[in-house]
Amino acid sequence: MEAQTPTATLSDCVDLSAYETYDVKAKKIIPLPTEQPLRYVMTATAQRWDGRWMVTDINTQGGTEC
């Protein structure tokens, strides 16, 4: 917290196992691509500016499974 611009890296598990995309016109669920992992680690970088944490980068590229 003593740095000029404090920075933090956060990790979380993204779980798409219950996620659905729905085509309103066709009135049907669009399945996820078969190569899409259903659970993976996502990372985010945040910086503290004017007393508030601001997310400055999000990596949703699908890291390791969680």
C-alpha atoms as a PDB file:
ATOM      1  CA  MET A   1       0.000   0.000   0.000  1.00  0.00           C
ATOM      2  CA  GLU A   2       3.071   2.251   0.158  1.00  0.00           C
ATOM      3  CA  ALA A   3       3.685   2.177  -3.603  1.00  0.00           C
ATOM      4  CA  GLN A   4       2.935   5.249  -5.701  1.00  0.00           C
ATOM      5  CA  THR A   5       0.066   3.354  -7.327  1.00  0.00           C
ATOM      6  CA  PRO A   6      -0.819   0.253  -5.271  1.00  0.00           C
ATOM      7  CA  THR A   7      -1.612  -2.719  -7.524  1.00  0.00           C
ATOM      8  CA  ALA A   8      -3.275  -6.051  -6.777  1.00  0.00           C
ATOM      9  CA  THR A   9      -3.867  -9.184  -8.817  1.00  0.00           C
ATOM     10  CA  LEU A  10      -7.045 -11.162  -8.166  1.00  0.00           C
ATOM     11  CA  SER A  11      -7.989 -14.667  -9.261  1.00  0.00           C
ATOM     12  CA  ASP A  12     -11.421 -16.218  -9.372  1.00  0.00           C
ATOM     13  CA  CYS A  13     -13.044 -19.317 -10.785  1.00  0.00           C
ATOM     14  CA  VAL A  14     -15.414 -18.723 -13.695  1.00  0.00           C
ATOM     15  CA  ASP A  15     -18.105 -21.406 -13.778  1.00  0.00           C
ATOM     16  CA  LEU A  16     -20.082 -21.595 -17.028  1.00  0.00           C
ATOM     17  CA  SER A  17     -21.724 -24.941 -16.263  1.00  0.00           C
ATOM     18  CA  ALA A  18     -25.146 -23.278 -15.783  1.00  0.00           C
ATOM     19  CA  TYR A  19     -24.616 -20.527 -18.395  1.00  0.00           C
ATOM     20  CA  GLU A  20     -26.979 -20.409 -21.384  1.00  0.00           C
ATOM     21  CA  THR A  21     -27.159 -18.175 -24.441  1.00  0.00           C
ATOM     22  CA  TYR A  22     -30.658 -17.897 -25.849  1.00  0.00           C
ATOM     23  CA  ASP A  23     -31.579 -17.045 -29.450  1.00  0.00           C
ATOM     24  CA  VAL A  24     -34.763 -14.975 -29.070  1.00  0.00           C
ATOM     25  CA  LYS A  25     -35.758 -15.152 -32.741  1.00  0.00           C
ATOM     26  CA  ALA A  26     -35.265 -18.917 -33.053  1.00  0.00           C
ATOM     27  CA  LYS A  27     -36.557 -19.459 -29.499  1.00  0.00           C
ATOM     28  CA  LYS A  28     -33.838 -21.930 -28.597  1.00  0.00           C
ATOM     29  CA  ILE A  29     -30.732 -22.236 -26.478  1.00  0.00           C
ATOM     30  CA  ILE A  30     -27.430 -21.864 -28.316  1.00  0.00           C
ATOM     31  CA  PRO A  31     -24.970 -24.442 -26.951  1.00  0.00           C
ATOM     32  CA  LEU A  32     -21.482 -23.369 -25.918  1.00  0.00           C
ATOM     33  CA  PRO A  33     -18.682 -24.499 -28.245  1.00  0.00           C
ATOM     34  CA  THR A  34     -17.487 -27.986 -27.317  1.00  0.00           C
ATOM     35  CA  GLU A  35     -13.919 -26.701 -26.847  1.00  0.00           C
ATOM     36  CA  GLN A  36     -15.110 -24.081 -24.297  1.00  0.00           C
ATOM     37  CA  PRO A  37     -13.964 -25.066 -20.796  1.00  0.00           C
ATOM     38  CA  LEU A  38     -16.828 -24.880 -18.322  1.00  0.00           C
ATOM     39  CA  ARG A  39     -14.669 -23.906 -15.305  1.00  0.00           C
ATOM     40  CA  TYR A  40     -11.435 -21.921 -15.495  1.00  0.00           C
ATOM     41  CA  VAL A  41      -9.353 -19.414 -13.561  1.00  0.00           C
ATOM     42  CA  MET A  42      -9.772 -15.745 -14.552  1.00  0.00           C
ATOM     43  CA  THR A  43      -7.361 -13.068 -13.347  1.00  0.00           C
ATOM     44  CA  ALA A  44      -7.866  -9.339 -12.894  1.00  0.00           C
ATOM     45  CA  THR A  45      -5.491  -6.507 -12.075  1.00  0.00           C
ATOM     46  CA  ALA A  46      -6.650  -3.566  -9.969  1.00  0.00           C
ATOM     47  CA  GLN A  47      -4.998  -0.266  -9.025  1.00  0.00           C
ATOM     48  CA  ARG A  48      -5.871   2.110  -6.226  1.00  0.00           C
ATOM     49  CA  TRP A  49      -6.659   5.624  -7.467  1.00  0.00           C
ATOM     50  CA  ASP A  50      -8.025   8.437  -5.291  1.00  0.00           C
ATOM     51  CA  GLY A  51      -8.912   6.019  -2.494  1.00  0.00           C
ATOM     52  CA  ARG A  52     -10.774   3.570  -4.754  1.00  0.00           C
ATOM     53  CA  TRP A  53      -9.757   0.289  -6.328  1.00  0.00           C
ATOM     54  CA  MET A  54     -10.228   0.315 -10.103  1.00  0.00           C
ATOM     55  CA  VAL A  55      -9.993  -2.823 -12.238  1.00  0.00           C
ATOM     56  CA  THR A  56      -7.491  -2.039 -14.995  1.00  0.00           C
ATOM     57  CA  ASP A  57      -7.190  -5.419 -16.727  1.00  0.00           C
ATOM     58  CA  ILE A  58      -9.204  -8.629 -16.913  1.00  0.00           C
ATOM     59  CA  ASN A  59      -7.866 -11.823 -18.464  1.00  0.00           C
ATOM     60  CA  THR A  60     -10.740 -14.107 -19.433  1.00  0.00           C
ATOM     61  CA  GLN A  61      -8.692 -16.255 -21.793  1.00  0.00           C
ATOM     62  CA  GLY A  62      -9.359 -19.361 -19.746  1.00  0.00           C
ATOM     63  CA  GLY A  63      -6.367 -20.253 -17.650  1.00  0.00           C
ATOM     64  CA  THR A  64      -6.074 -23.484 -15.733  1.00  0.00           C
ATOM     65  CA  GLU A  65      -9.206 -25.349 -14.736  1.00  0.00           C
ATOM     66  CA  CYS A  66     -10.566 -24.839 -11.227  1.00  0.00           C
END
